[in-house]
Protein backbone atom coordinates (compact mmCIF):
# COMPACT_ATOMS: atom_id res chain seq x y z
CA ALA A 1 0.15 -0.20 -0.34
CA THR A 2 2.69 2.61 0.69
CA MET A 3 4.35 1.19 -2.45
CA GLN A 4 1.28 2.00 -4.47
CA ARG A 5 0.70 5.41 -2.64
CA ARG A 6 4.63 6.48 -3.61
CA ILE A 7 4.02 5.67 -7.39
CA GLY A 8 0.55 7.57 -7.38
CA ARG A 9 2.37 10.62 -6.09
CA ALA A 10 4.93 10.47 -8.65
CA VAL A 11 2.68 9.95 -11.60
CA LEU A 12 0.80 13.42 -10.34
CA ALA A 13 3.87 15.11 -10.14
CA ALA A 14 4.84 14.10 -13.79
CA LEU A 15 1.60 15.35 -15.26
CA SER A 16 1.61 18.54 -13.62
CA THR A 17 4.95 19.43 -15.04
CA ILE A 18 3.57 18.19 -18.29
CA GLY A 19 0.60 20.44 -17.86
CA LEU A 20 2.80 23.47 -17.08
CA VAL A 21 5.13 22.80 -20.13
CA VAL A 22 2.06 22.72 -22.27
CA SER A 23 0.61 25.78 -20.80
CA GLY A 24 3.58 28.04 -21.09
CA ALA A 25 4.09 27.09 -25.00
CA MET A 26 0.30 28.11 -25.26
CA ALA A 27 0.91 31.32 -23.55
CA ALA A 28 4.05 32.10 -25.40
CA ASN A 29 2.28 31.63 -28.87
CA ALA A 30 -0.84 33.88 -27.78
CA SER A 31 1.76 36.71 -26.65
CA SER A 32 3.52 36.46 -29.90
CA GLY A 33 -0.01 37.07 -31.93
CA LYS A 34 1.61 34.55 -34.47
CA SER A 35 -1.34 31.77 -34.03
CA ASP A 36 -4.63 31.30 -32.79
CA ASP A 37 -5.75 28.14 -30.56
CA HIS A 38 -4.94 25.80 -33.21
CA GLY A 39 -1.46 27.03 -34.13
CA LYS A 40 -2.57 29.07 -36.85
CA GLN A 41 -1.46 32.32 -37.88
CA ARG A 42 -3.81 35.42 -37.70
CA TYR A 43 -4.64 37.45 -40.98
CA GLY A 44 -6.54 40.36 -42.37
CA TRP A 45 -6.66 42.51 -45.27
CA VAL A 46 -5.91 45.94 -46.11
CA ARG A 47 -7.56 47.61 -49.15
CA VAL A 48 -5.56 50.56 -50.54
CA CYS A 49 -7.25 52.96 -52.94
CA GLN A 50 -6.08 56.15 -54.56
CA ASP A 51 -8.88 58.70 -55.65
CA VAL A 52 -7.99 61.78 -57.79
CA LYS A 53 -10.95 64.42 -57.87
CA ARG A 54 -11.26 66.69 -60.63
CA TYR A 55 -12.71 70.56 -60.66
CA ASP A 56 -12.79 71.24 -64.09
CA ASP A 57 -14.66 71.51 -67.31
CA GLY A 58 -14.67 67.95 -68.33
CA LYS A 59 -11.83 68.37 -70.83
CA SER A 60 -9.48 65.37 -71.68
CA ASP A 61 -6.63 64.26 -69.14
CA GLU A 62 -3.30 63.33 -70.41
CA TYR A 63 -2.08 62.57 -67.04
CA GLY A 64 -2.07 58.50 -66.07
CA TYR A 65 -2.17 59.38 -62.38
CA ARG A 66 0.50 56.35 -61.32
CA GLY A 67 1.48 56.55 -57.79
CA THR A 68 3.44 54.21 -56.01
CA TYR A 69 2.38 52.65 -52.39
CA GLN A 70 3.68 50.29 -49.49
CA VAL A 71 2.11 48.41 -47.09
CA LYS A 72 3.78 46.84 -44.10
CA ASP A 73 2.98 44.85 -41.40
CA GLY A 74 4.80 44.14 -37.67
CA TYR A 75 6.46 41.11 -38.96
CA GLY A 76 8.49 42.20 -41.23
CA GLY A 77 6.12 41.77 -44.34
CA ALA A 78 6.31 44.60 -46.98
CA TRP A 79 4.53 44.98 -50.55
CA LYS A 80 5.13 47.58 -52.97
CA PHE A 81 2.78 48.30 -55.52
CA ASP A 82 1.63 50.79 -58.23
CA LEU A 83 -2.08 51.99 -58.45
CA LYS A 84 -3.07 53.79 -62.04
CA GLY A 85 -5.84 56.07 -62.75
CA ARG A 86 -8.34 58.10 -61.48
CA TYR A 87 -9.99 55.84 -59.29
CA ASP A 88 -7.69 52.27 -58.59
CA CYS A 89 -7.25 49.79 -55.28
CA ARG A 90 -5.89 46.70 -54.56
CA GLN A 91 -5.72 44.34 -51.45
CA VAL A 92 -3.24 43.27 -49.42
CA LYS A 93 -3.28 39.98 -46.85
CA VAL A 94 -1.34 40.80 -43.89
CA HIS A 95 -0.65 39.83 -40.30
CA THR A 96 -3.01 41.10 -37.71
CA GLY A 97 -1.97 44.06 -35.51
CA LYS A 98 -0.80 47.48 -36.40
CA ILE A 99 -0.22 48.04 -40.23
CA SER A 100 1.60 51.29 -42.08
CA VAL A 101 0.43 52.32 -45.32
CA ARG A 102 2.68 54.88 -47.21
CA VAL A 103 2.76 56.71 -50.47
CA LEU A 104 6.09 56.21 -51.99
CA TYR A 105 5.16 58.08 -55.40
CA LYS A 106 2.56 60.66 -55.54
CA PRO A 107 0.92 60.74 -59.06
CA ASP A 108 1.99 63.01 -61.61
CA GLY A 109 -0.53 66.34 -61.80
CA ALA A 110 -2.22 65.91 -58.49
CA ASP A 111 -1.65 67.24 -54.80
CA LEU A 112 -2.19 64.71 -51.84
CA GLN A 113 -4.92 65.78 -49.74
CA GLY A 114 -3.92 64.49 -46.14
CA TYR A 115 -1.11 62.49 -45.00
CA ALA A 116 1.27 60.52 -46.74
CA ASP A 117 1.76 57.78 -43.65
CA ARG A 118 -1.38 56.05 -42.43
CA TYR A 119 -1.86 53.59 -39.86
CA VAL A 120 -4.56 51.13 -39.18
CA ASP A 121 -5.18 48.17 -36.78
CA VAL A 122 -6.25 44.96 -38.34
CA SER A 123 -8.19 42.29 -36.44
CA LYS A 124 -8.47 38.54 -37.42
CA ASN A 125 -10.37 38.06 -40.78
CA ALA A 126 -10.99 42.07 -40.83
CA TYR A 127 -10.99 44.27 -43.68
CA ARG A 128 -9.38 47.77 -43.67
CA LYS A 129 -9.72 50.48 -46.51
CA VAL A 130 -7.15 53.27 -46.77
CA THR A 131 -7.96 55.86 -49.75
CA PHE A 132 -5.32 58.52 -50.36
CA GLU A 133 -7.41 61.23 -52.09
CA TYR A 134 -5.98 63.90 -54.45
CA ARG A 135 -7.11 66.63 -56.06
CA ALA A 136 -5.82 67.12 -59.85
CA ILE A 137 -3.68 70.04 -60.93
CA ASP A 138 -4.63 71.43 -64.02
CA TYR A 139 -1.76 74.40 -66.03
CA GLY A 140 -1.90 77.46 -67.79
CA TRP A 141 0.91 79.72 -68.80
CA VAL A 142 1.55 83.41 -67.99
CA LYS A 143 3.68 85.52 -70.58
CA VAL A 144 5.51 88.27 -69.05
CA CYS A 145 6.81 91.02 -71.30
CA GLN A 146 8.67 94.27 -70.68
CA ASP A 147 8.24 97.20 -73.06
CA VAL A 148 10.57 100.35 -72.94
CA LYS A 149 9.36 103.54 -75.02
CA ARG A 150 11.70 105.85 -75.98
CA TYR A 151 11.15 109.66 -76.91
CA ASP A 152 14.41 111.14 -77.95
CA ASP A 153 16.80 112.13 -80.84
CA GLY A 154 17.52 108.79 -81.94
CA LYS A 155 21.09 108.49 -80.56
CA ALA A 156 22.61 105.51 -79.86
CA ASP A 157 21.73 103.54 -76.72
CA ASP A 158 23.93 101.39 -74.53
CA ASN A 159 21.41 100.46 -71.82
CA GLU A 160 21.05 96.71 -71.83
CA TYR A 161 17.29 97.31 -69.81
CA ARG A 162 17.59 94.42 -68.01
CA GLY A 163 14.60 93.61 -65.54
CA THR A 164 13.71 91.03 -63.04
CA TYR A 165 9.94 89.93 -62.53
CA ARG A 166 8.01 87.06 -60.15
CA VAL A 167 5.59 84.81 -61.07
CA THR A 168 3.72 83.38 -57.92
CA ASP A 169 0.85 81.03 -58.79
CA SER A 170 -2.11 79.94 -57.17
CA ARG A 171 -0.46 77.83 -54.37
CA GLY A 172 2.33 80.38 -53.52
CA ARG A 173 4.98 78.50 -55.77
CA TYR A 174 7.22 81.29 -57.32
CA THR A 175 9.35 81.54 -60.67
CA ASP A 176 11.70 84.29 -61.51
CA VAL A 177 11.76 85.64 -65.10
CA TYR A 178 14.70 87.68 -66.26
CA LEU A 179 14.32 89.88 -69.46
CA LYS A 180 16.81 92.03 -71.52
CA GLY A 181 16.05 94.57 -73.93
CA ARG A 182 13.53 97.25 -75.25
CA TYR A 183 11.27 94.74 -75.79
CA ALA A 184 11.19 90.73 -74.41
CA CYS A 185 9.35 88.20 -73.23
CA ASP A 186 9.32 84.75 -71.51
CA GLN A 187 6.65 82.55 -70.25
CA VAL A 188 5.99 80.37 -67.20
CA LYS A 189 3.95 77.36 -66.67
CA VAL A 190 1.70 77.81 -63.47
CA ARG A 191 -1.13 76.31 -61.80
CA THR A 192 -4.50 77.49 -62.87
CA GLY A 193 -6.36 80.02 -60.36
CA LYS A 194 -4.97 83.90 -59.03
CA THR A 195 -1.28 84.58 -60.08
CA ASP A 196 0.63 87.50 -59.15
CA VAL A 197 2.96 88.80 -61.30
CA ARG A 198 5.35 91.67 -59.90
CA VAL A 199 8.43 93.63 -60.77
CA THR A 200 11.51 92.99 -58.59
CA TYR A 201 14.12 94.82 -60.51
CA ARG A 202 13.34 97.66 -62.73
CA PRO A 203 15.52 97.99 -65.67
CA ASP A 204 18.23 100.86 -65.14
CA ASN A 205 17.63 104.08 -66.62
CA THR A 206 13.68 103.98 -67.23
CA ARG A 207 10.46 104.90 -65.30
CA LEU A 208 7.49 102.44 -65.06
CA ILE A 209 4.11 103.80 -66.49
CA SER A 210 2.13 100.83 -65.45
CA ASP A 211 1.60 99.25 -62.01
CA ASP A 212 4.45 97.38 -60.63
CA GLU A 213 2.39 94.25 -59.64
CA VAL A 214 -0.68 92.65 -61.66
CA TYR A 215 -2.82 89.63 -60.78
CA VAL A 216 -4.57 87.45 -63.37
CA ASN A 217 -6.64 84.41 -63.48
CA VAL A 218 -5.30 81.44 -65.29
CA TYR A 219 -7.12 78.85 -66.81
CA LYS A 220 -6.44 75.40 -67.86
CA GLY A 221 -4.45 75.58 -71.47
CA GLU A 222 -4.91 79.29 -71.59
CA TYR A 223 -2.16 81.66 -71.76
CA GLU A 224 -2.48 85.09 -69.85
CA ASN A 225 -0.44 88.12 -71.09
CA VAL A 226 1.16 90.49 -68.63
CA THR A 227 3.35 93.53 -70.14
CA PHE A 228 4.88 96.39 -67.82
CA GLU A 229 5.60 99.30 -69.80
CA TYR A 230 8.23 101.92 -69.19
CA LYS A 231 9.55 105.04 -70.36
CA ALA A 232 13.05 105.40 -71.11
CA VAL A 233 14.71 108.26 -68.77
CA ASP A 234 17.68 110.36 -70.36
CA TYR A 235 19.91 112.41 -67.86
CA GLY A 236 21.62 115.71 -67.67
CA TRP A 237 23.60 117.15 -64.55
CA VAL A 238 22.54 120.53 -62.46
CA LYS A 239 25.38 121.99 -60.66
CA VAL A 240 24.60 123.86 -57.37
CA CYS A 241 27.13 126.45 -56.13
CA GLN A 242 26.99 128.99 -52.98
CA ASP A 243 28.93 132.37 -53.45
CA VAL A 244 29.26 134.33 -50.32
CA LYS A 245 31.03 137.78 -50.73
CA ARG A 246 32.68 139.73 -48.30
CA TYR A 247 33.14 143.47 -48.13
CA ASP A 248 35.03 143.84 -45.04
CA ASP A 249 38.73 144.72 -43.95
CA GLY A 250 40.01 141.18 -44.06
CA LYS A 251 39.86 140.13 -40.57
CA ALA A 252 39.78 136.63 -39.70
CA ASP A 253 36.49 134.73 -40.38
CA ASP A 254 35.20 131.72 -38.39
CA ASN A 255 31.86 131.45 -40.33
CA GLU A 256 31.88 127.87 -42.04
CA TYR A 257 28.95 129.19 -44.22
CA ARG A 258 27.10 125.95 -44.25
CA GLY A 259 24.28 125.93 -46.56
CA SER A 260 21.13 123.23 -47.67
CA TYR A 261 19.87 123.08 -50.92
CA ARG A 262 17.05 121.00 -52.51
CA VAL A 263 17.14 119.65 -56.22
CA THR A 264 13.78 118.22 -57.36
CA ASP A 265 13.39 116.76 -60.94
CA SER A 266 11.10 116.51 -63.54
CA TYR A 267 9.53 113.10 -61.71
CA GLY A 268 8.96 114.77 -58.18
CA ASP A 269 12.18 113.12 -56.93
CA TYR A 270 14.54 115.11 -54.61
CA THR A 271 18.08 115.27 -53.55
CA ASP A 272 19.42 117.25 -50.70
CA VAL A 273 23.04 118.84 -51.15
CA TYR A 274 24.87 120.21 -48.28
CA LEU A 275 27.78 122.77 -49.21
CA LYS A 276 30.19 124.44 -46.74
CA GLY A 277 32.48 127.65 -47.59
CA ARG A 278 32.24 130.99 -49.01
CA TYR A 279 32.46 129.25 -52.26
CA ALA A 280 31.47 125.56 -52.73
CA CYS A 281 29.62 123.29 -55.54
CA ASP A 282 28.44 120.01 -55.71
CA GLN A 283 26.40 118.31 -58.76
CA VAL A 284 23.32 116.07 -58.92
CA LYS A 285 22.27 113.80 -61.49
CA VAL A 286 18.81 114.09 -62.67
CA PRO A 287 16.31 113.17 -65.60
CA THR A 288 16.06 115.63 -68.44
CA GLY A 289 12.90 118.12 -68.08
CA ARG A 290 12.35 121.04 -65.76
CA THR A 291 14.05 120.99 -62.76
CA ASP A 292 13.64 123.38 -59.27
CA VAL A 293 16.49 124.36 -57.15
CA LYS A 294 15.98 126.02 -53.68
CA VAL A 295 17.59 127.00 -50.47
CA THR A 296 16.38 125.29 -47.80
CA TYR A 297 19.09 126.59 -45.21
CA GLN A 298 20.75 129.81 -45.58
CA PRO A 299 24.28 129.83 -44.39
CA GLU A 300 24.58 131.83 -41.00
CA HIS A 301 25.52 135.73 -41.03
CA THR A 302 24.48 136.11 -44.64
CA ARG A 303 22.05 137.93 -46.99
CA LEU A 304 20.93 136.54 -50.11
CA THR A 305 21.65 139.22 -52.83
CA SER A 306 18.64 138.25 -54.89
CA ASP A 307 15.07 138.21 -54.09
CA ASP A 308 14.77 134.67 -55.44
CA ASP A 309 15.73 131.62 -53.11
CA GLU A 310 14.08 129.23 -55.71
CA VAL A 311 15.14 128.57 -59.41
CA TYR A 312 14.00 126.48 -62.23
CA VAL A 313 16.10 125.52 -64.89
CA ASN A 314 15.63 122.85 -68.18
CA VAL A 315 18.10 119.90 -68.13
CA TYR A 316 18.77 118.42 -71.48
CA LYS A 317 20.28 114.99 -72.01
CA GLY A 318 23.94 114.83 -71.31
CA GLU A 319 23.85 118.32 -70.66
CA TYR A 320 24.94 120.59 -67.42
CA GLU A 321 22.90 123.53 -65.83
CA ASN A 322 24.56 125.80 -63.23
CA VAL A 323 22.78 127.18 -60.55
CA THR A 324 24.36 129.73 -58.05
CA PHE A 325 23.01 131.43 -54.90
CA GLU A 326 24.86 134.74 -54.28
CA TYR A 327 25.06 135.90 -50.70
CA LYS A 328 26.53 139.04 -48.78
CA ALA A 329 28.25 138.26 -45.83
CA VAL A 330 26.84 140.30 -42.74
CA GLN A 331 29.43 141.49 -40.03
CA TYR A 332 27.69 142.12 -36.68
CA GLY A 333 29.02 144.57 -33.66
CA SER A 334 28.54 145.69 -30.34
CA ALA A 335 27.68 149.12 -31.65
CA PHE A 336 25.19 147.72 -34.36
CA LEU A 337 23.77 145.42 -31.58
CA GLY A 338 23.30 148.61 -29.47
CA ARG A 339 21.68 150.32 -32.29
CA ALA A 340 19.20 147.26 -32.82
CA ALA A 341 18.38 147.54 -29.29
CA ALA A 342 17.68 151.12 -28.93
């Protein structure tokens, strides 16, 4: 009887050990997720689609809309494939769990609406759908021109008239256009919609006679023309002088005779000239036409010997005009100040 009891205990211990080993194996398989209760791997499906929306007039579309996508599961499985056309799908069998779906190559002529990387959880025998939506892009053209008019005597002109322009499309993408010559053009392919064209560098020696920024609406397959018109500007010079006369006994004079003058050209632009000394000059380059020169600050201890503190001159191409403001130095002493006070 004692021997039988010992054999029974040994059998029970062995059975317990076998049960623990089997339970541990089942728990390991369950934690890995690779198999179900019968030791089989668990799978589901992911359906990947691309959907290209168009908002146009139904004209023919030359784009094939070929996109490339990748699906990866948590066990190293990866599937790469192409979708083609405005609407296309493909289904992939994957291990259950977290699945990554990614756009590797976006279809030409389309903008992705949303994220290029997506994640979904796939359960056993379940289907999950991931759709990448796009907006089709249509294009037109903007033709940018510069036209420089000349109203001169037909003399030779060595100005290259280099101008720079920026074209910004409806999506904020820009292209810089560089033009050269009195009349020149270039065209830019842009996305349809409102397009901004502006001058970023005006040709030297010109005046813009139109707006420096223009907006146009560009339609699919159509051209919009934008021309910036200029007037060629010829230049001459104005020489401004001050001449202070002294009629005294030749004593030392510590007056610096600082004077200021404003030169305003035929377009209303001005330059301030600062002179110092009894006789001083400076010259200013100005566009041809009527030019105004006036005193803005009279040298101290002087009197202007004419009634005119403002003079007009006509400036011609390549010529100089001289404007001299004459002053008389004024000396002050105690006797004079006493008489003034009295």
